Amino acid sequence: MKIALIGYGKMGKMIEQIALSRGHEIVSIIDVDNQQDFDSPEFASADVAIEFTSPTAAYGNYLKAFKHNVKIVSGSTGWMKDHGDEVKKMCTEGGQTLFWASNFSIGVAIFSAVNRYLAKIMNGFPQYSVHMEETHHIHKLDAPSGTAITLAEEIVDNLDRKSAWTKGTLLTPEGNIEGSDKCEDNELRIDSIRRDEVPGIHSVVYDSEADCITITHDAHSRKGFALGAVLAAEYTKEHTGLLTTSDLFKF
């Protein structure tokens, strides 16, 4: 398979290594300093482009790739609020293909399935309050993380006593606490921590007077995310439309 990389940071370089090890060819690498290569024949020849950039750049990258009818696998978060409807229309009515996920880790896909199932169980036990906490490296710009939001939305969908998630506290790399741990009874609070080079830790906590139940996914490195992105690219090559991990992993 011919793969183009959009974004060549730590994730992009790891995706490159895994793609090559699985027998794929990298035909184009686009970063901030060579945006003109979106219009190159090498980029247009790609079966799939894998995009990991920033919330501000992602949507524009999609448009540039779609211009050449190149399918995209993307792990960029933070763009959906402003452009989600437009991207969905391009994929459902405009013939384009985007595989988007807030997290490509196989472990997170399993964790997500457990999260949904636990929320369904907890729907019958209102004595348990629930909140979430996510921890990431100091370079991460958005908070809460896209993965935390996805997990929170799954809980809201399956737990009647919660109707929305809300941003809680943020512990900054400097040790300052921003935000508040106060929220309405119907809101699911997500607290965030930014420290060191943590790839990603997500915890869901159900607490009662009697006991506490916590489920946690702790990423050891970015390797799991990179492998998942390449698996998604292999899937996307043979499929069309708006795709996500529930299409790839049938849990």
C-alpha atoms as a PDB file:
ATOM      1  CA  MET A   1       0.000   0.000   0.000  1.00  0.00           C
ATOM      2  CA  LYS A   2       1.184   3.532  -0.781  1.00  0.00           C
ATOM      3  CA  ILE A   3       0.978   5.813   2.265  1.00  0.00           C
ATOM      4  CA  ALA A   4       1.419   9.579   2.587  1.00  0.00           C
ATOM      5  CA  LEU A   5       2.271  11.034   5.985  1.00  0.00           C
ATOM      6  CA  ILE A   6       0.834  14.419   7.018  1.00  0.00           C
ATOM      7  CA  GLY A   7       2.719  15.556  10.098  1.00  0.00           C
ATOM      8  CA  TYR A   8       6.218  14.281  10.798  1.00  0.00           C
ATOM      9  CA  GLY A   9       6.613  14.620  14.537  1.00  0.00           C
ATOM     10  CA  LYS A  10       7.140  11.764  16.970  1.00  0.00           C
ATOM     11  CA  MET A  11       3.924  10.032  15.914  1.00  0.00           C
ATOM     12  CA  GLY A  12       4.619  10.481  12.212  1.00  0.00           C
ATOM     13  CA  LYS A  13       8.086   8.978  12.524  1.00  0.00           C
ATOM     14  CA  MET A  14       6.789   5.994  14.509  1.00  0.00           C
ATOM     15  CA  ILE A  15       3.986   5.419  11.996  1.00  0.00           C
ATOM     16  CA  GLU A  16       6.608   5.461   9.242  1.00  0.00           C
ATOM     17  CA  GLN A  17       8.641   2.750  10.985  1.00  0.00           C
ATOM     18  CA  ILE A  18       5.643   0.488  11.541  1.00  0.00           C
ATOM     19  CA  ALA A  19       4.267   1.021   8.024  1.00  0.00           C
ATOM     20  CA  LEU A  20       7.616   0.085   6.476  1.00  0.00           C
ATOM     21  CA  SER A  21       7.920  -2.969   8.735  1.00  0.00           C
ATOM     22  CA  ARG A  22       4.522  -4.145   7.474  1.00  0.00           C
ATOM     23  CA  GLY A  23       5.641  -3.890   3.856  1.00  0.00           C
ATOM     24  CA  HIS A  24       4.055  -0.559   2.918  1.00  0.00           C
ATOM     25  CA  GLU A  25       5.625   2.264   0.915  1.00  0.00           C
ATOM     26  CA  ILE A  26       5.846   5.884   2.094  1.00  0.00           C
ATOM     27  CA  VAL A  27       5.363   7.970  -1.068  1.00  0.00           C
ATOM     28  CA  SER A  28       5.086  11.462   0.468  1.00  0.00           C
ATOM     29  CA  ILE A  29       5.877  13.152   3.780  1.00  0.00           C
ATOM     30  CA  ILE A  30       4.280  16.555   4.377  1.00  0.00           C
ATOM     31  CA  ASP A  31       5.134  18.810   7.296  1.00  0.00           C
ATOM     32  CA  VAL A  32       4.873  22.538   7.999  1.00  0.00           C
ATOM     33  CA  ASP A  33       7.739  23.483   5.690  1.00  0.00           C
ATOM     34  CA  ASN A  34       6.595  21.736   2.483  1.00  0.00           C
ATOM     35  CA  GLN A  35       2.847  22.302   2.239  1.00  0.00           C
ATOM     36  CA  GLN A  36       3.175  22.650  -1.548  1.00  0.00           C
ATOM     37  CA  ASP A  37       3.694  18.894  -1.739  1.00  0.00           C
ATOM     38  CA  PHE A  38      -0.040  18.404  -1.240  1.00  0.00           C
ATOM     39  CA  ASP A  39      -0.237  19.160  -4.975  1.00  0.00           C
ATOM     40  CA  SER A  40       2.566  16.785  -5.941  1.00  0.00           C
ATOM     41  CA  PRO A  41       1.985  13.636  -8.024  1.00  0.00           C
ATOM     42  CA  GLU A  42       3.600  11.620  -5.237  1.00  0.00           C
ATOM     43  CA  PHE A  43       0.948  12.685  -2.734  1.00  0.00           C
ATOM     44  CA  ALA A  44      -1.867  12.107  -5.253  1.00  0.00           C
ATOM     45  CA  SER A  45      -0.583   8.541  -5.791  1.00  0.00           C
ATOM     46  CA  ALA A  46      -1.160   7.579  -2.157  1.00  0.00           C
ATOM     47  CA  ASP A  47      -3.830   5.006  -1.332  1.00  0.00           C
ATOM     48  CA  VAL A  48      -4.217   6.555   2.121  1.00  0.00           C
ATOM     49  CA  ALA A  49      -2.777   9.576   3.932  1.00  0.00           C
ATOM     50  CA  ILE A  50      -2.197   9.281   7.685  1.00  0.00           C
ATOM     51  CA  GLU A  51      -2.626  12.653   9.404  1.00  0.00           C
ATOM     52  CA  PHE A  52      -1.451  13.533  12.929  1.00  0.00           C
ATOM     53  CA  THR A  53      -1.092  17.291  13.314  1.00  0.00           C
ATOM     54  CA  SER A  54      -2.865  19.942  15.395  1.00  0.00           C
ATOM     55  CA  PRO A  55      -6.493  20.996  15.962  1.00  0.00           C
ATOM     56  CA  THR A  56      -5.928  24.161  13.910  1.00  0.00           C
ATOM     57  CA  ALA A  57      -4.325  22.419  10.932  1.00  0.00           C
ATOM     58  CA  ALA A  58      -6.371  19.219  10.636  1.00  0.00           C
ATOM     59  CA  TYR A  59      -9.431  20.500   8.755  1.00  0.00           C
ATOM     60  CA  GLY A  60      -7.316  22.316   6.163  1.00  0.00           C
ATOM     61  CA  ASN A  61      -5.274  19.162   5.668  1.00  0.00           C
ATOM     62  CA  TYR A  62      -8.442  17.179   5.018  1.00  0.00           C
ATOM     63  CA  LEU A  63      -9.516  19.643   2.333  1.00  0.00           C
ATOM     64  CA  LYS A  64      -6.114  19.501   0.637  1.00  0.00           C
ATOM     65  CA  ALA A  65      -6.151  15.697   0.598  1.00  0.00           C
ATOM     66  CA  PHE A  66      -9.775  15.458  -0.541  1.00  0.00           C
ATOM     67  CA  LYS A  67      -8.910  17.782  -3.430  1.00  0.00           C
ATOM     68  CA  HIS A  68      -6.880  14.874  -4.829  1.00  0.00           C
ATOM     69  CA  ASN A  69      -9.382  12.214  -3.668  1.00  0.00           C
ATOM     70  CA  VAL A  70      -6.857  10.764  -1.248  1.00  0.00           C
ATOM     71  CA  LYS A  71      -8.394   8.824   1.643  1.00  0.00           C
ATOM     72  CA  ILE A  72      -7.379   9.979   5.126  1.00  0.00           C
ATOM     73  CA  VAL A  73      -6.726   8.337   8.466  1.00  0.00           C
ATOM     74  CA  SER A  74      -6.546  11.040  11.148  1.00  0.00           C
ATOM     75  CA  GLY A  75      -5.911  11.163  14.874  1.00  0.00           C
ATOM     76  CA  SER A  76      -6.020  14.947  15.199  1.00  0.00           C
ATOM     77  CA  THR A  77      -8.551  16.184  17.747  1.00  0.00           C
ATOM     78  CA  GLY A  78     -10.184  19.519  18.499  1.00  0.00           C
ATOM     79  CA  TRP A  79     -11.535  20.295  15.009  1.00  0.00           C
ATOM     80  CA  MET A  80     -14.898  18.545  15.157  1.00  0.00           C
ATOM     81  CA  LYS A  81     -16.860  21.277  16.961  1.00  0.00           C
ATOM     82  CA  ASP A  82     -16.273  23.800  14.165  1.00  0.00           C
ATOM     83  CA  HIS A  83     -16.028  21.517  11.136  1.00  0.00           C
ATOM     84  CA  GLY A  84     -17.590  18.182  12.055  1.00  0.00           C
ATOM     85  CA  ASP A  85     -20.787  18.674  10.043  1.00  0.00           C
ATOM     86  CA  GLU A  86     -18.876  19.760   6.922  1.00  0.00           C
ATOM     87  CA  VAL A  87     -16.512  16.787   7.061  1.00  0.00           C
ATOM     88  CA  LYS A  88     -19.397  14.377   7.626  1.00  0.00           C
ATOM     89  CA  LYS A  89     -21.206  15.761   4.581  1.00  0.00           C
ATOM     90  CA  MET A  90     -18.088  15.440   2.418  1.00  0.00           C
ATOM     91  CA  CYS A  91     -17.787  11.779   3.412  1.00  0.00           C
ATOM     92  CA  THR A  92     -21.476  10.818   3.264  1.00  0.00           C
ATOM     93  CA  GLU A  93     -22.490  12.862   0.201  1.00  0.00           C
ATOM     94  CA  GLY A  94     -19.250  14.022  -1.430  1.00  0.00           C
ATOM     95  CA  GLY A  95     -17.587  10.661  -1.983  1.00  0.00           C
ATOM     96  CA  GLN A  96     -14.603  11.304   0.310  1.00  0.00           C
ATOM     97  CA  THR A  97     -13.230   8.958   2.962  1.00  0.00           C
ATOM     98  CA  LEU A  98     -12.028   9.798   6.470  1.00  0.00           C
ATOM     99  CA  PHE A  99     -11.171   7.296   9.183  1.00  0.00           C
ATOM    100  CA  TRP A 100     -11.115   9.421  12.316  1.00  0.00           C
ATOM    101  CA  ALA A 101     -10.489   8.344  15.894  1.00  0.00           C
ATOM    102  CA  SER A 102      -9.466  10.204  19.016  1.00  0.00           C
ATOM    103  CA  ASN A 103      -7.238   7.239  19.829  1.00  0.00           C
ATOM    104  CA  PHE A 104      -5.988   4.397  17.613  1.00  0.00           C
ATOM    105  CA  SER A 105      -4.619   2.160  20.370  1.00  0.00           C
ATOM    106  CA  ILE A 106      -5.949  -1.405  20.303  1.00  0.00           C
ATOM    107  CA  GLY A 107      -5.858  -1.307  24.108  1.00  0.00           C
ATOM    108  CA  VAL A 108      -8.003   1.833  24.155  1.00  0.00           C
ATOM    109  CA  ALA A 109     -10.506   0.155  21.820  1.00  0.00           C
ATOM    110  CA  ILE A 110     -10.790  -2.707  24.334  1.00  0.00           C
ATOM    111  CA  PHE A 111     -10.922  -0.220  27.224  1.00  0.00           C
ATOM    112  CA  SER A 112     -13.710   1.645  25.430  1.00  0.00           C
ATOM    113  CA  ALA A 113     -15.784  -1.520  25.155  1.00  0.00           C
ATOM    114  CA  VAL A 114     -15.294  -2.192  28.888  1.00  0.00           C
ATOM    115  CA  ASN A 115     -16.210   1.438  29.624  1.00  0.00           C
ATOM    116  CA  ARG A 116     -19.510   1.158  27.745  1.00  0.00           C
ATOM    117  CA  TYR A 117     -20.393  -2.122  29.428  1.00  0.00           C
ATOM    118  CA  LEU A 118     -19.559  -0.836  32.916  1.00  0.00           C
ATOM    119  CA  ALA A 119     -21.688   2.277  32.362  1.00  0.00           C
ATOM    120  CA  LYS A 120     -24.659   0.080  31.441  1.00  0.00           C
ATOM    121  CA  ILE A 121     -24.183  -1.907  34.656  1.00  0.00           C
ATOM    122  CA  MET A 122     -23.798   1.258  36.748  1.00  0.00           C
ATOM    123  CA  ASN A 123     -27.065   2.617  35.362  1.00  0.00           C
ATOM    124  CA  GLY A 124     -28.761   0.411  37.951  1.00  0.00           C
ATOM    125  CA  PHE A 125     -26.650   1.616  40.875  1.00  0.00           C
ATOM    126  CA  PRO A 126     -27.262   5.353  41.423  1.00  0.00           C
ATOM    127  CA  GLN A 127     -25.299   5.362  44.693  1.00  0.00           C
ATOM    128  CA  TYR A 128     -22.111   5.557  42.600  1.00  0.00           C
ATOM    129  CA  SER A 129     -20.933   8.965  41.443  1.00  0.00           C
ATOM    130  CA  VAL A 130     -18.659   9.014  38.405  1.00  0.00           C
ATOM    131  CA  HIS A 131     -15.861  11.249  37.173  1.00  0.00           C
ATOM    132  CA  MET A 132     -12.865  10.938  34.860  1.00  0.00           C
ATOM    133  CA  GLU A 133      -9.201  11.892  34.887  1.00  0.00           C
ATOM    134  CA  GLU A 134      -6.743  12.038  31.991  1.00  0.00           C
ATOM    135  CA  THR A 135      -2.985  12.642  32.106  1.00  0.00           C
ATOM    136  CA  HIS A 136      -0.805  13.585  29.116  1.00  0.00           C
ATOM    137  CA  HIS A 137       2.576  15.048  28.272  1.00  0.00           C
ATOM    138  CA  ILE A 138       3.224  18.764  28.655  1.00  0.00           C
ATOM    139  CA  HIS A 139       3.149  19.391  24.871  1.00  0.00           C
ATOM    140  CA  LYS A 140      -0.525  18.446  24.478  1.00  0.00           C
ATOM    141  CA  LEU A 141      -2.544  21.533  23.599  1.00  0.00           C
ATOM    142  CA  ASP A 142      -6.153  20.444  24.157  1.00  0.00           C
ATOM    143  CA  ALA A 143      -7.752  19.523  27.472  1.00  0.00           C
ATOM    144  CA  PRO A 144      -9.640  17.343  28.067  1.00  0.00           C
ATOM    145  CA  SER A 145      -8.069  14.966  25.576  1.00  0.00           C
ATOM    146  CA  GLY A 146     -10.068  13.768  22.608  1.00  0.00           C
ATOM    147  CA  THR A 147      -9.937  10.237  23.983  1.00  0.00           C
ATOM    148  CA  ALA A 148     -11.332  11.383  27.332  1.00  0.00           C
ATOM    149  CA  ILE A 149     -14.186  13.158  25.564  1.00  0.00           C
ATOM    150  CA  THR A 150     -14.989  10.040  23.519  1.00  0.00           C
ATOM    151  CA  LEU A 151     -15.004   7.896  26.662  1.00  0.00           C
ATOM    152  CA  ALA A 152     -17.153  10.459  28.469  1.00  0.00           C
ATOM    153  CA  GLU A 153     -19.679  10.553  25.636  1.00  0.00           C
ATOM    154  CA  GLU A 154     -19.934   6.761  25.808  1.00  0.00           C
ATOM    155  CA  ILE A 155     -20.719   6.997  29.516  1.00  0.00           C
ATOM    156  CA  VAL A 156     -23.328   9.723  28.934  1.00  0.00           C
ATOM    157  CA  ASP A 157     -24.979   7.547  26.269  1.00  0.00           C
ATOM    158  CA  ASN A 158     -25.303   4.628  28.686  1.00  0.00           C
ATOM    159  CA  LEU A 159     -25.829   6.277  32.086  1.00  0.00           C
ATOM    160  CA  ASP A 160     -29.216   7.947  32.528  1.00  0.00           C
ATOM    161  CA  ARG A 161     -28.111  10.188  35.393  1.00  0.00           C
ATOM    162  CA  LYS A 162     -25.528  11.941  33.218  1.00  0.00           C
ATOM    163  CA  SER A 163     -26.600  14.101  30.273  1.00  0.00           C
ATOM    164  CA  ALA A 164     -23.314  15.854  29.376  1.00  0.00           C
ATOM    165  CA  TRP A 165     -19.614  15.975  30.183  1.00  0.00           C
ATOM    166  CA  THR A 166     -17.917  19.079  31.523  1.00  0.00           C
ATOM    167  CA  LYS A 167     -14.346  20.282  31.833  1.00  0.00           C
ATOM    168  CA  GLY A 168     -13.060  20.031  35.393  1.00  0.00           C
ATOM    169  CA  THR A 169      -9.662  20.986  36.745  1.00  0.00           C
ATOM    170  CA  LEU A 170      -6.413  21.243  34.799  1.00  0.00           C
ATOM    171  CA  LEU A 171      -3.110  20.689  36.606  1.00  0.00           C
ATOM    172  CA  THR A 172      -0.588  22.558  34.444  1.00  0.00           C
ATOM    173  CA  PRO A 173       3.069  21.574  33.930  1.00  0.00           C
ATOM    174  CA  GLU A 174       3.968  24.439  36.276  1.00  0.00           C
ATOM    175  CA  GLY A 175       1.873  22.916  39.059  1.00  0.00           C
ATOM    176  CA  ASN A 176      -0.978  25.407  38.869  1.00  0.00           C
ATOM    177  CA  ILE A 177      -4.597  24.278  39.099  1.00  0.00           C
ATOM    178  CA  GLU A 178      -7.044  25.854  36.682  1.00  0.00           C
ATOM    179  CA  GLY A 179     -10.797  25.325  36.429  1.00  0.00           C
ATOM    180  CA  SER A 180     -13.073  23.838  39.076  1.00  0.00           C
ATOM    181  CA  ASP A 181     -14.045  20.458  40.469  1.00  0.00           C
ATOM    182  CA  LYS A 182     -17.636  21.636  40.903  1.00  0.00           C
ATOM    183  CA  CYS A 183     -20.279  20.487  38.471  1.00  0.00           C
ATOM    184  CA  GLU A 184     -23.995  19.805  38.215  1.00  0.00           C
ATOM    185  CA  ASP A 185     -25.339  16.404  39.244  1.00  0.00           C
ATOM    186  CA  ASN A 186     -26.169  15.552  35.632  1.00  0.00           C
ATOM    187  CA  GLU A 187     -22.655  16.438  34.397  1.00  0.00           C
ATOM    188  CA  LEU A 188     -19.672  14.106  34.073  1.00  0.00           C
ATOM    189  CA  ARG A 189     -16.507  15.934  35.145  1.00  0.00           C
ATOM    190  CA  ILE A 190     -13.217  15.346  33.337  1.00  0.00           C
ATOM    191  CA  ASP A 191     -10.070  16.445  35.179  1.00  0.00           C
ATOM    192  CA  SER A 192      -6.800  16.856  33.256  1.00  0.00           C
ATOM    193  CA  ILE A 193      -3.131  16.665  34.239  1.00  0.00           C
ATOM    194  CA  ARG A 194      -0.179  17.738  32.101  1.00  0.00           C
ATOM    195  CA  ARG A 195       3.192  16.378  33.222  1.00  0.00           C
ATOM    196  CA  ASP A 196       6.473  15.052  31.859  1.00  0.00           C
ATOM    197  CA  GLU A 197       6.280  12.969  28.641  1.00  0.00           C
ATOM    198  CA  VAL A 198       3.278  10.805  29.593  1.00  0.00           C
ATOM    199  CA  PRO A 199       1.837   9.219  26.392  1.00  0.00           C
ATOM    200  CA  GLY A 200      -1.637   8.985  27.899  1.00  0.00           C
ATOM    201  CA  ILE A 201      -3.467   7.728  30.998  1.00  0.00           C
ATOM    202  CA  HIS A 202      -7.275   7.626  31.191  1.00  0.00           C
ATOM    203  CA  SER A 203      -9.250   6.629  34.281  1.00  0.00           C
ATOM    204  CA  VAL A 204     -12.972   6.302  34.934  1.00  0.00           C
ATOM    205  CA  VAL A 205     -13.849   6.380  38.635  1.00  0.00           C
ATOM    206  CA  TYR A 206     -17.134   5.200  40.184  1.00  0.00           C
ATOM    207  CA  ASP A 207     -17.215   6.152  43.859  1.00  0.00           C
ATOM    208  CA  SER A 208     -19.698   5.440  46.668  1.00  0.00           C
ATOM    209  CA  GLU A 209     -19.725   5.492  50.457  1.00  0.00           C
ATOM    210  CA  ALA A 210     -19.021   1.764  50.467  1.00  0.00           C
ATOM    211  CA  ASP A 211     -16.305   1.429  47.840  1.00  0.00           C
ATOM    212  CA  CYS A 212     -14.658   2.737  44.689  1.00  0.00           C
ATOM    213  CA  ILE A 213     -14.350   1.089  41.267  1.00  0.00           C
ATOM    214  CA  THR A 214     -11.714   2.434  38.867  1.00  0.00           C
ATOM    215  CA  ILE A 215     -10.808   1.334  35.355  1.00  0.00           C
ATOM    216  CA  THR A 216      -7.611   2.707  33.798  1.00  0.00           C
ATOM    217  CA  HIS A 217      -5.776   2.552  30.504  1.00  0.00           C
ATOM    218  CA  ASP A 218      -2.102   3.496  30.775  1.00  0.00           C
ATOM    219  CA  ALA A 219      -0.180   3.774  27.498  1.00  0.00           C
ATOM    220  CA  HIS A 220       3.482   2.793  27.850  1.00  0.00           C
ATOM    221  CA  SER A 221       4.488   4.475  24.576  1.00  0.00           C
ATOM    222  CA  ARG A 222       3.099   5.857  21.323  1.00  0.00           C
ATOM    223  CA  LYS A 223       3.767   2.530  19.588  1.00  0.00           C
ATOM    224  CA  GLY A 224       0.246   1.228  20.214  1.00  0.00           C
ATOM    225  CA  PHE A 225      -1.265   4.367  18.680  1.00  0.00           C
ATOM    226  CA  ALA A 226       1.011   4.133  15.638  1.00  0.00           C
ATOM    227  CA  LEU A 227       0.240   0.460  15.003  1.00  0.00           C
ATOM    228  CA  GLY A 228      -3.475   1.157  15.276  1.00  0.00           C
ATOM    229  CA  ALA A 229      -3.181   3.989  12.753  1.00  0.00           C
ATOM    230  CA  VAL A 230      -1.479   1.708  10.231  1.00  0.00           C
ATOM    231  CA  LEU A 231      -4.122  -0.999  10.800  1.00  0.00           C
ATOM    232  CA  ALA A 232      -6.751   1.695  10.205  1.00  0.00           C
ATOM    233  CA  ALA A 233      -5.018   2.686   6.961  1.00  0.00           C
ATOM    234  CA  GLU A 234      -5.048  -0.923   5.785  1.00  0.00           C
ATOM    235  CA  TYR A 235      -8.787  -1.053   6.536  1.00  0.00           C
ATOM    236  CA  THR A 236      -9.481   2.336   4.938  1.00  0.00           C
ATOM    237  CA  LYS A 237      -7.842   1.340   1.661  1.00  0.00           C
ATOM    238  CA  GLU A 238     -10.692  -1.131   1.128  1.00  0.00           C
ATOM    239  CA  HIS A 239     -13.574   0.947   2.538  1.00  0.00           C
ATOM    240  CA  THR A 240     -15.216   4.326   1.980  1.00  0.00           C
ATOM    241  CA  GLY A 241     -17.142   7.010   3.846  1.00  0.00           C
ATOM    242  CA  LEU A 242     -16.829   8.205   7.439  1.00  0.00           C
ATOM    243  CA  LEU A 243     -15.100   5.432   9.388  1.00  0.00           C
ATOM    244  CA  THR A 244     -13.948   4.944  12.961  1.00  0.00           C
ATOM    245  CA  THR A 245     -12.568   2.310  15.342  1.00  0.00           C
ATOM    246  CA  SER A 246     -15.973   0.661  15.843  1.00  0.00           C
ATOM    247  CA  ASP A 247     -15.767  -0.293  12.150  1.00  0.00           C
ATOM    248  CA  LEU A 248     -12.262  -1.697  12.533  1.00  0.00           C
ATOM    249  CA  PHE A 249     -12.661  -3.399  15.906  1.00  0.00           C
ATOM    250  CA  LYS A 250     -15.934  -5.338  16.251  1.00  0.00           C
ATOM    251  CA  PHE A 251     -16.319  -5.485  20.040  1.00  0.00           C
END
